[in-house]
Amino acid sequence: MDLSTLKGSIDLVAVVEGAGTELKRFGRLHKGLCPLHSDTEPSFVVYPDQHFRCFGCQEHGDVFDFIQKLHGCDFKQALGILGIKQGKLTTEKREEIKRLQHRRELVKAFRKWEIDAADEAAMLCRCCRKVLGEIKTTAHMDKYGNRYHDLETYAYHLDVLVGDDDQAKIGLYDAGYYG
């Protein structure tokens, strides 16, 4: 296996996340705090063609460069850290990379659900407000008054979905409220 084929078989995002750096997807890019220097704003970018660039410390390169810079080692040691022996990925490292890729896909699917659910909850809030705004008579109040309670529920769900409490979001997901 030549070096470019080997490099192409390693998921740089999984390696960076495996080193403890949280990356968030922005379109086709992944961004996060740079693990190579003290970063306070996300300046580290992983591109779809499996190279990285930090706009803070100006480091850049491929997966091997990343490992060398992160661990301060040479190319041969970087291969060992990646679990590559004589040009091949070890079974353990390949499984770890697959596990990290699977985890990233699960997180991606959950974040998509989160966005879709927040859109749905916001739409339901707007609908409830519209119905409540059109109540003019006691008969309408008797018929549509329960929308006050629905509005409270949807507004609460929306607060959870746009907040930072992932456990509460998982609770909504598990309860099957949206999607």
N, C-alpha and C. Protein backbone atom coordinates (compact mmCIF):
# COMPACT_ATOMS: atom_id res chain seq x y z
N MET A 1 0.85 -1.17 0.00
CA MET A 1 0.00 0.00 0.00
C MET A 1 0.90 1.23 0.00
N ASP A 2 0.69 2.13 -0.97
CA ASP A 2 1.52 3.33 -1.01
C ASP A 2 1.04 4.35 0.01
N LEU A 3 1.84 5.37 0.24
CA LEU A 3 1.58 6.35 1.29
C LEU A 3 0.29 7.12 1.05
N SER A 4 0.00 7.53 -0.18
CA SER A 4 -1.22 8.31 -0.43
C SER A 4 -2.47 7.45 -0.21
N THR A 5 -2.44 6.18 -0.55
CA THR A 5 -3.57 5.28 -0.31
C THR A 5 -3.76 5.09 1.19
N LEU A 6 -2.65 4.91 1.89
CA LEU A 6 -2.69 4.75 3.34
C LEU A 6 -3.25 6.00 4.00
N LYS A 7 -2.77 7.15 3.57
CA LYS A 7 -3.24 8.43 4.11
C LYS A 7 -4.73 8.61 3.85
N GLY A 8 -5.19 8.22 2.67
CA GLY A 8 -6.60 8.34 2.31
C GLY A 8 -7.50 7.40 3.10
N SER A 9 -6.93 6.35 3.65
CA SER A 9 -7.74 5.39 4.40
C SER A 9 -7.92 5.78 5.86
N ILE A 10 -7.26 6.85 6.29
CA ILE A 10 -7.34 7.29 7.68
C ILE A 10 -8.21 8.54 7.74
N ASP A 11 -9.22 8.50 8.60
CA ASP A 11 -10.14 9.63 8.77
C ASP A 11 -9.50 10.64 9.72
N LEU A 12 -9.09 11.79 9.18
CA LEU A 12 -8.43 12.82 9.98
C LEU A 12 -9.35 13.34 11.08
N VAL A 13 -10.63 13.51 10.79
CA VAL A 13 -11.57 13.99 11.81
C VAL A 13 -11.59 13.02 12.99
N ALA A 14 -11.65 11.73 12.71
CA ALA A 14 -11.66 10.73 13.78
C ALA A 14 -10.37 10.76 14.58
N VAL A 15 -9.25 10.97 13.92
CA VAL A 15 -7.96 11.04 14.62
C VAL A 15 -7.91 12.27 15.52
N VAL A 16 -8.35 13.42 15.00
CA VAL A 16 -8.33 14.65 15.79
C VAL A 16 -9.27 14.52 16.99
N GLU A 17 -10.47 13.98 16.76
CA GLU A 17 -11.41 13.79 17.87
C GLU A 17 -10.89 12.75 18.86
N GLY A 18 -10.21 11.74 18.35
CA GLY A 18 -9.62 10.73 19.21
C GLY A 18 -8.51 11.30 20.09
N ALA A 19 -7.92 12.40 19.64
CA ALA A 19 -6.88 13.08 20.43
C ALA A 19 -7.49 14.03 21.45
N GLY A 20 -8.83 14.08 21.50
CA GLY A 20 -9.49 14.89 22.53
C GLY A 20 -10.00 16.24 22.08
N THR A 21 -10.00 16.51 20.79
CA THR A 21 -10.48 17.80 20.29
C THR A 21 -11.88 17.63 19.74
N GLU A 22 -12.82 18.44 20.26
CA GLU A 22 -14.19 18.39 19.76
C GLU A 22 -14.28 19.23 18.50
N LEU A 23 -14.74 18.61 17.43
CA LEU A 23 -14.93 19.31 16.16
C LEU A 23 -16.42 19.41 15.87
N LYS A 24 -16.84 20.56 15.36
CA LYS A 24 -18.23 20.75 14.95
C LYS A 24 -18.26 20.93 13.45
N ARG A 25 -19.29 20.38 12.86
CA ARG A 25 -19.43 20.44 11.40
C ARG A 25 -20.00 21.79 10.99
N PHE A 26 -19.37 22.41 9.99
CA PHE A 26 -19.83 23.64 9.36
C PHE A 26 -19.82 23.39 7.86
N GLY A 27 -20.97 22.99 7.34
CA GLY A 27 -21.02 22.62 5.93
C GLY A 27 -20.18 21.38 5.70
N ARG A 28 -19.20 21.49 4.81
CA ARG A 28 -18.31 20.36 4.53
C ARG A 28 -17.08 20.36 5.41
N LEU A 29 -16.89 21.40 6.22
CA LEU A 29 -15.71 21.54 7.07
C LEU A 29 -16.03 21.09 8.49
N HIS A 30 -14.97 20.81 9.25
CA HIS A 30 -15.07 20.55 10.69
C HIS A 30 -14.18 21.58 11.38
N LYS A 31 -14.71 22.24 12.41
CA LYS A 31 -13.95 23.29 13.11
C LYS A 31 -13.91 22.99 14.60
N GLY A 32 -12.84 23.49 15.23
CA GLY A 32 -12.73 23.34 16.67
C GLY A 32 -11.54 24.13 17.19
N LEU A 33 -11.33 24.04 18.51
CA LEU A 33 -10.18 24.66 19.12
C LEU A 33 -8.93 23.88 18.72
N CYS A 34 -7.89 24.59 18.43
CA CYS A 34 -6.65 23.94 17.98
C CYS A 34 -5.97 23.23 19.14
N PRO A 35 -5.66 21.94 18.98
CA PRO A 35 -4.95 21.21 20.03
C PRO A 35 -3.44 21.47 20.03
N LEU A 36 -2.98 22.24 19.05
CA LEU A 36 -1.54 22.47 18.93
C LEU A 36 -1.06 23.74 19.62
N HIS A 37 -2.00 24.57 20.07
CA HIS A 37 -1.64 25.76 20.84
C HIS A 37 -2.83 26.14 21.73
N SER A 38 -2.63 27.08 22.64
CA SER A 38 -3.73 27.53 23.50
C SER A 38 -4.68 28.36 22.67
N ASP A 39 -5.83 27.80 22.38
CA ASP A 39 -6.80 28.42 21.49
C ASP A 39 -8.04 28.79 22.30
N THR A 40 -8.55 30.00 22.09
CA THR A 40 -9.77 30.41 22.77
C THR A 40 -10.95 30.52 21.82
N GLU A 41 -10.67 30.65 20.55
CA GLU A 41 -11.69 30.70 19.50
C GLU A 41 -11.40 29.58 18.50
N PRO A 42 -12.43 28.90 17.98
CA PRO A 42 -12.19 27.82 17.02
C PRO A 42 -11.43 28.33 15.78
N SER A 43 -10.19 27.91 15.66
CA SER A 43 -9.37 28.32 14.51
C SER A 43 -8.82 27.13 13.74
N PHE A 44 -9.14 25.93 14.21
CA PHE A 44 -8.63 24.68 13.62
C PHE A 44 -9.68 24.13 12.68
N VAL A 45 -9.31 23.89 11.42
CA VAL A 45 -10.26 23.44 10.40
C VAL A 45 -9.74 22.18 9.74
N VAL A 46 -10.63 21.17 9.62
CA VAL A 46 -10.32 19.97 8.86
C VAL A 46 -11.16 20.03 7.58
N TYR A 47 -10.50 19.90 6.46
CA TYR A 47 -11.14 20.00 5.15
C TYR A 47 -11.54 18.62 4.65
N PRO A 48 -12.48 18.57 3.70
CA PRO A 48 -12.94 17.28 3.17
C PRO A 48 -11.83 16.44 2.53
N ASP A 49 -10.80 17.07 2.02
CA ASP A 49 -9.72 16.30 1.39
C ASP A 49 -8.70 15.78 2.39
N GLN A 50 -9.09 15.77 3.68
CA GLN A 50 -8.28 15.19 4.75
C GLN A 50 -6.99 15.95 5.04
N HIS A 51 -7.04 17.28 4.98
CA HIS A 51 -5.92 18.05 5.50
C HIS A 51 -6.47 19.05 6.49
N PHE A 52 -5.59 19.59 7.34
CA PHE A 52 -6.02 20.54 8.36
C PHE A 52 -5.24 21.83 8.21
N ARG A 53 -5.80 22.88 8.80
CA ARG A 53 -5.12 24.17 8.88
C ARG A 53 -5.60 24.85 10.15
N CYS A 54 -4.67 25.44 10.89
CA CYS A 54 -5.02 26.28 12.03
C CYS A 54 -4.73 27.72 11.64
N PHE A 55 -5.73 28.55 11.75
CA PHE A 55 -5.57 29.95 11.39
C PHE A 55 -5.02 30.76 12.57
N GLY A 56 -4.81 30.10 13.71
CA GLY A 56 -4.21 30.76 14.86
C GLY A 56 -2.70 30.58 14.88
N CYS A 57 -2.24 29.32 14.84
CA CYS A 57 -0.80 29.05 14.90
C CYS A 57 -0.19 28.77 13.53
N GLN A 58 -1.01 28.76 12.49
CA GLN A 58 -0.58 28.58 11.10
C GLN A 58 -0.09 27.18 10.76
N GLU A 59 -0.29 26.21 11.65
CA GLU A 59 0.10 24.83 11.34
C GLU A 59 -0.88 24.26 10.32
N HIS A 60 -0.40 23.33 9.50
CA HIS A 60 -1.24 22.71 8.48
C HIS A 60 -0.59 21.41 8.04
N GLY A 61 -1.39 20.58 7.37
CA GLY A 61 -0.83 19.34 6.84
C GLY A 61 -1.86 18.23 6.81
N ASP A 62 -1.34 16.99 6.73
CA ASP A 62 -2.20 15.81 6.65
C ASP A 62 -2.23 15.12 8.01
N VAL A 63 -2.77 13.91 8.05
CA VAL A 63 -2.92 13.19 9.31
C VAL A 63 -1.56 12.90 9.95
N PHE A 64 -0.55 12.60 9.14
CA PHE A 64 0.78 12.31 9.68
C PHE A 64 1.41 13.57 10.27
N ASP A 65 1.24 14.70 9.56
CA ASP A 65 1.75 15.97 10.09
C ASP A 65 1.07 16.31 11.42
N PHE A 66 -0.24 16.07 11.49
CA PHE A 66 -0.98 16.37 12.71
C PHE A 66 -0.41 15.58 13.89
N ILE A 67 -0.23 14.29 13.71
CA ILE A 67 0.29 13.44 14.79
C ILE A 67 1.70 13.87 15.17
N GLN A 68 2.54 14.16 14.17
CA GLN A 68 3.91 14.58 14.46
C GLN A 68 3.92 15.88 15.27
N LYS A 69 3.09 16.84 14.89
CA LYS A 69 3.07 18.12 15.59
C LYS A 69 2.44 17.99 16.97
N LEU A 70 1.41 17.16 17.08
CA LEU A 70 0.73 16.99 18.37
C LEU A 70 1.63 16.31 19.39
N HIS A 71 2.35 15.28 18.94
CA HIS A 71 3.17 14.48 19.86
C HIS A 71 4.66 14.84 19.82
N GLY A 72 5.04 15.74 18.92
CA GLY A 72 6.46 16.10 18.82
C GLY A 72 7.32 14.92 18.43
N CYS A 73 6.89 14.18 17.44
CA CYS A 73 7.62 12.97 17.06
C CYS A 73 7.96 12.99 15.57
N ASP A 74 8.71 11.98 15.14
CA ASP A 74 9.04 11.89 13.73
C ASP A 74 7.99 11.04 13.00
N PHE A 75 8.18 10.90 11.69
CA PHE A 75 7.20 10.21 10.86
C PHE A 75 7.01 8.76 11.30
N LYS A 76 8.09 8.06 11.57
CA LYS A 76 8.00 6.65 11.94
C LYS A 76 7.24 6.49 13.26
N GLN A 77 7.51 7.38 14.21
CA GLN A 77 6.79 7.32 15.48
C GLN A 77 5.30 7.65 15.26
N ALA A 78 5.01 8.59 14.35
CA ALA A 78 3.62 8.94 14.04
C ALA A 78 2.89 7.72 13.49
N LEU A 79 3.56 6.95 12.64
CA LEU A 79 2.95 5.73 12.11
C LEU A 79 2.60 4.78 13.26
N GLY A 80 3.50 4.65 14.21
CA GLY A 80 3.25 3.78 15.37
C GLY A 80 2.08 4.28 16.21
N ILE A 81 1.99 5.60 16.43
CA ILE A 81 0.88 6.17 17.19
C ILE A 81 -0.44 5.90 16.49
N LEU A 82 -0.43 5.96 15.18
CA LEU A 82 -1.64 5.69 14.40
C LEU A 82 -1.94 4.20 14.29
N GLY A 83 -1.04 3.37 14.82
CA GLY A 83 -1.26 1.93 14.77
C GLY A 83 -0.92 1.31 13.44
N ILE A 84 0.01 1.95 12.71
CA ILE A 84 0.39 1.46 11.39
C ILE A 84 1.74 0.76 11.51
N LYS A 85 1.75 -0.48 11.09
CA LYS A 85 2.98 -1.25 11.11
C LYS A 85 3.25 -1.73 9.70
N GLN A 86 4.41 -1.43 9.19
CA GLN A 86 4.83 -1.83 7.85
C GLN A 86 3.79 -1.46 6.80
N GLY A 87 3.29 -0.23 6.90
CA GLY A 87 2.40 0.29 5.87
C GLY A 87 0.94 -0.13 5.97
N LYS A 88 0.53 -0.79 7.06
CA LYS A 88 -0.85 -1.22 7.20
C LYS A 88 -1.39 -0.79 8.56
N LEU A 89 -2.68 -0.47 8.59
CA LEU A 89 -3.35 -0.16 9.85
C LEU A 89 -3.54 -1.45 10.64
N THR A 90 -3.29 -1.40 11.94
CA THR A 90 -3.57 -2.57 12.76
C THR A 90 -5.08 -2.72 12.89
N THR A 91 -5.52 -3.91 13.19
CA THR A 91 -6.95 -4.18 13.35
C THR A 91 -7.54 -3.32 14.46
N GLU A 92 -6.81 -3.18 15.55
CA GLU A 92 -7.32 -2.38 16.68
C GLU A 92 -7.52 -0.92 16.28
N LYS A 93 -6.56 -0.36 15.57
CA LYS A 93 -6.67 1.04 15.16
C LYS A 93 -7.78 1.22 14.14
N ARG A 94 -7.91 0.28 13.22
CA ARG A 94 -8.98 0.34 12.22
C ARG A 94 -10.35 0.31 12.92
N GLU A 95 -10.51 -0.55 13.94
CA GLU A 95 -11.76 -0.63 14.70
C GLU A 95 -12.01 0.67 15.47
N GLU A 96 -10.96 1.23 16.03
CA GLU A 96 -11.12 2.50 16.76
C GLU A 96 -11.56 3.62 15.82
N ILE A 97 -10.97 3.66 14.64
CA ILE A 97 -11.34 4.68 13.65
C ILE A 97 -12.80 4.48 13.22
N LYS A 98 -13.20 3.23 12.99
CA LYS A 98 -14.59 2.94 12.62
C LYS A 98 -15.54 3.34 13.75
N ARG A 99 -15.15 3.06 14.99
CA ARG A 99 -15.99 3.42 16.14
C ARG A 99 -16.15 4.92 16.23
N LEU A 100 -15.07 5.66 16.03
CA LEU A 100 -15.14 7.12 16.08
C LEU A 100 -15.97 7.67 14.92
N GLN A 101 -15.85 7.07 13.74
CA GLN A 101 -16.67 7.50 12.61
C GLN A 101 -18.14 7.24 12.89
N HIS A 102 -18.45 6.08 13.46
CA HIS A 102 -19.83 5.75 13.80
C HIS A 102 -20.37 6.72 14.84
N ARG A 103 -19.57 7.04 15.84
CA ARG A 103 -19.99 8.00 16.87
C ARG A 103 -20.27 9.35 16.25
N ARG A 104 -19.39 9.79 15.34
CA ARG A 104 -19.58 11.08 14.68
C ARG A 104 -20.86 11.10 13.87
N GLU A 105 -21.18 9.98 13.20
CA GLU A 105 -22.42 9.90 12.43
C GLU A 105 -23.65 9.95 13.34
N LEU A 106 -23.57 9.29 14.51
CA LEU A 106 -24.68 9.35 15.46
C LEU A 106 -24.88 10.77 15.98
N VAL A 107 -23.80 11.44 16.31
CA VAL A 107 -23.89 12.83 16.78
C VAL A 107 -24.46 13.71 15.68
N LYS A 108 -24.02 13.50 14.45
CA LYS A 108 -24.53 14.28 13.32
C LYS A 108 -26.03 14.07 13.15
N ALA A 109 -26.50 12.83 13.24
CA ALA A 109 -27.93 12.53 13.11
C ALA A 109 -28.72 13.16 14.25
N PHE A 110 -28.17 13.11 15.47
CA PHE A 110 -28.85 13.71 16.61
C PHE A 110 -28.94 15.23 16.45
N ARG A 111 -27.87 15.86 15.99
CA ARG A 111 -27.88 17.32 15.80
C ARG A 111 -28.87 17.72 14.71
N LYS A 112 -29.02 16.89 13.68
CA LYS A 112 -30.02 17.16 12.65
C LYS A 112 -31.41 17.07 13.26
N TRP A 113 -31.66 16.02 14.06
CA TRP A 113 -32.95 15.88 14.73
C TRP A 113 -33.20 17.11 15.61
N GLU A 114 -32.18 17.54 16.32
CA GLU A 114 -32.30 18.69 17.23
C GLU A 114 -32.76 19.94 16.47
N ILE A 115 -32.17 20.20 15.32
CA ILE A 115 -32.53 21.37 14.51
C ILE A 115 -33.95 21.22 13.97
N ASP A 116 -34.27 20.05 13.44
CA ASP A 116 -35.62 19.81 12.90
C ASP A 116 -36.67 19.92 14.00
N ALA A 117 -36.38 19.36 15.18
CA ALA A 117 -37.34 19.42 16.29
C ALA A 117 -37.54 20.86 16.77
N ALA A 118 -36.46 21.64 16.82
CA ALA A 118 -36.58 23.05 17.22
C ALA A 118 -37.43 23.81 16.21
N ASP A 119 -37.24 23.54 14.93
CA ASP A 119 -38.08 24.18 13.90
C ASP A 119 -39.55 23.81 14.09
N GLU A 120 -39.80 22.53 14.36
CA GLU A 120 -41.18 22.07 14.55
C GLU A 120 -41.80 22.69 15.80
N ALA A 121 -41.06 22.73 16.90
CA ALA A 121 -41.58 23.33 18.14
C ALA A 121 -41.87 24.82 17.94
N ALA A 122 -41.00 25.52 17.22
CA ALA A 122 -41.22 26.94 16.95
C ALA A 122 -42.47 27.14 16.10
N MET A 123 -42.66 26.29 15.11
CA MET A 123 -43.86 26.38 14.27
C MET A 123 -45.12 26.11 15.10
N LEU A 124 -45.07 25.13 15.98
CA LEU A 124 -46.22 24.82 16.83
C LEU A 124 -46.52 25.98 17.78
N CYS A 125 -45.49 26.64 18.31
CA CYS A 125 -45.69 27.83 19.15
C CYS A 125 -46.40 28.93 18.36
N ARG A 126 -45.93 29.17 17.13
CA ARG A 126 -46.56 30.20 16.30
C ARG A 126 -48.03 29.87 16.02
N CYS A 127 -48.30 28.59 15.72
CA CYS A 127 -49.68 28.18 15.45
C CYS A 127 -50.57 28.39 16.68
N CYS A 128 -50.08 27.99 17.85
CA CYS A 128 -50.86 28.18 19.08
C CYS A 128 -51.12 29.66 19.33
N ARG A 129 -50.10 30.49 19.16
CA ARG A 129 -50.27 31.93 19.37
C ARG A 129 -51.30 32.51 18.40
N LYS A 130 -51.27 32.04 17.17
CA LYS A 130 -52.24 32.53 16.18
C LYS A 130 -53.66 32.14 16.59
N VAL A 131 -53.87 30.88 16.96
CA VAL A 131 -55.19 30.42 17.38
C VAL A 131 -55.65 31.20 18.61
N LEU A 132 -54.76 31.38 19.59
CA LEU A 132 -55.13 32.09 20.81
C LEU A 132 -55.44 33.56 20.54
N GLY A 133 -54.75 34.14 19.57
CA GLY A 133 -55.00 35.54 19.22
C GLY A 133 -56.34 35.75 18.54
N GLU A 134 -56.90 34.69 18.00
CA GLU A 134 -58.18 34.80 17.30
C GLU A 134 -59.38 34.47 18.19
N ILE A 135 -59.15 34.14 19.45
CA ILE A 135 -60.26 33.84 20.38
C ILE A 135 -60.98 35.15 20.70
N LYS A 136 -62.28 35.19 20.36
CA LYS A 136 -63.07 36.41 20.58
C LYS A 136 -64.29 36.15 21.45
N THR A 137 -64.73 34.90 21.49
CA THR A 137 -65.97 34.60 22.21
C THR A 137 -65.72 33.49 23.23
N THR A 138 -66.70 33.33 24.13
CA THR A 138 -66.62 32.26 25.11
C THR A 138 -66.64 30.89 24.44
N ALA A 139 -67.40 30.78 23.38
CA ALA A 139 -67.45 29.51 22.64
C ALA A 139 -66.08 29.17 22.07
N HIS A 140 -65.40 30.18 21.52
CA HIS A 140 -64.04 29.96 21.01
C HIS A 140 -63.10 29.58 22.15
N MET A 141 -63.28 30.24 23.30
CA MET A 141 -62.42 29.95 24.45
C MET A 141 -62.62 28.51 24.90
N ASP A 142 -63.90 28.07 24.94
CA ASP A 142 -64.16 26.67 25.31
C ASP A 142 -63.54 25.70 24.32
N LYS A 143 -63.58 26.06 23.03
CA LYS A 143 -63.10 25.16 21.99
C LYS A 143 -61.57 25.16 21.86
N TYR A 144 -60.95 26.36 21.97
CA TYR A 144 -59.52 26.48 21.69
C TYR A 144 -58.67 26.87 22.89
N GLY A 145 -59.28 27.02 24.05
CA GLY A 145 -58.54 27.48 25.24
C GLY A 145 -57.42 26.56 25.68
N ASN A 146 -57.55 25.26 25.36
CA ASN A 146 -56.48 24.33 25.77
C ASN A 146 -55.17 24.60 25.03
N ARG A 147 -55.18 25.45 24.04
CA ARG A 147 -53.95 25.81 23.33
C ARG A 147 -52.99 26.58 24.24
N TYR A 148 -53.52 27.20 25.31
CA TYR A 148 -52.64 27.86 26.28
C TYR A 148 -51.67 26.85 26.88
N HIS A 149 -52.20 25.68 27.24
CA HIS A 149 -51.35 24.63 27.81
C HIS A 149 -50.39 24.07 26.77
N ASP A 150 -50.90 23.90 25.54
CA ASP A 150 -50.03 23.42 24.46
C ASP A 150 -48.89 24.40 24.21
N LEU A 151 -49.22 25.70 24.23
CA LEU A 151 -48.19 26.72 24.01
C LEU A 151 -47.10 26.64 25.06
N GLU A 152 -47.49 26.45 26.32
CA GLU A 152 -46.49 26.32 27.39
C GLU A 152 -45.58 25.11 27.15
N THR A 153 -46.19 24.00 26.74
CA THR A 153 -45.41 22.78 26.48
C THR A 153 -44.43 22.99 25.33
N TYR A 154 -44.93 23.52 24.21
CA TYR A 154 -44.07 23.73 23.04
C TYR A 154 -42.98 24.75 23.32
N ALA A 155 -43.31 25.80 24.08
CA ALA A 155 -42.31 26.81 24.43
C ALA A 155 -41.22 26.19 25.31
N TYR A 156 -41.61 25.33 26.24
CA TYR A 156 -40.63 24.64 27.07
C TYR A 156 -39.73 23.75 26.20
N HIS A 157 -40.34 22.98 25.31
CA HIS A 157 -39.56 22.12 24.42
C HIS A 157 -38.58 22.95 23.59
N LEU A 158 -39.05 24.08 23.09
CA LEU A 158 -38.17 24.95 22.29
C LEU A 158 -37.00 25.45 23.12
N ASP A 159 -37.27 25.84 24.38
CA ASP A 159 -36.17 26.28 25.27
C ASP A 159 -35.15 25.17 25.46
N VAL A 160 -35.62 23.94 25.64
CA VAL A 160 -34.71 22.81 25.81
C VAL A 160 -33.89 22.60 24.54
N LEU A 161 -34.56 22.63 23.39
CA LEU A 161 -33.91 22.33 22.12
C LEU A 161 -32.87 23.36 21.71
N VAL A 162 -33.03 24.60 22.11
CA VAL A 162 -32.03 25.62 21.76
C VAL A 162 -31.04 25.86 22.89
N GLY A 163 -31.21 25.16 24.01
CA GLY A 163 -30.31 25.30 25.15
C GLY A 163 -29.11 24.38 25.04
N ASP A 164 -28.36 24.29 26.14
CA ASP A 164 -27.11 23.51 26.17
C ASP A 164 -27.23 22.18 26.89
N ASP A 165 -28.42 21.84 27.42
CA ASP A 165 -28.59 20.63 28.20
C ASP A 165 -28.91 19.44 27.28
N ASP A 166 -27.87 18.71 26.87
CA ASP A 166 -28.06 17.58 25.96
C ASP A 166 -28.87 16.46 26.61
N GLN A 167 -28.77 16.29 27.94
CA GLN A 167 -29.55 15.25 28.60
C GLN A 167 -31.04 15.54 28.47
N ALA A 168 -31.45 16.80 28.61
CA ALA A 168 -32.86 17.16 28.45
C ALA A 168 -33.30 16.94 27.00
N LYS A 169 -32.42 17.24 26.06
CA LYS A 169 -32.74 17.01 24.65
C LYS A 169 -32.92 15.51 24.38
N ILE A 170 -32.06 14.70 24.97
CA ILE A 170 -32.18 13.25 24.81
C ILE A 170 -33.50 12.77 25.40
N GLY A 171 -33.93 13.40 26.50
CA GLY A 171 -35.23 13.06 27.09
C GLY A 171 -36.37 13.31 26.11
N LEU A 172 -36.34 14.44 25.42
CA LEU A 172 -37.36 14.73 24.41
C LEU A 172 -37.28 13.74 23.26
N TYR A 173 -36.04 13.42 22.85
CA TYR A 173 -35.85 12.47 21.75
C TYR A 173 -36.41 11.11 22.13
N ASP A 174 -36.04 10.63 23.32
CA ASP A 174 -36.50 9.31 23.77
C ASP A 174 -38.01 9.24 23.93
N ALA A 175 -38.62 10.37 24.33
CA ALA A 175 -40.08 10.41 24.51
C ALA A 175 -40.81 10.43 23.17
N GLY A 176 -40.08 10.68 22.08
CA GLY A 176 -40.67 10.65 20.75
C GLY A 176 -41.54 11.85 20.41
N TYR A 177 -41.25 12.99 21.03
CA TYR A 177 -42.07 14.18 20.78
C TYR A 177 -41.96 14.68 19.35
N TYR A 178 -40.80 14.59 18.76
CA TYR A 178 -40.59 15.16 17.43
C TYR A 178 -39.90 14.14 16.53
N GLY A 179 -40.27 14.18 15.27
CA GLY A 179 -39.58 13.48 14.25
C GLY A 179 -39.78 12.05 14.06
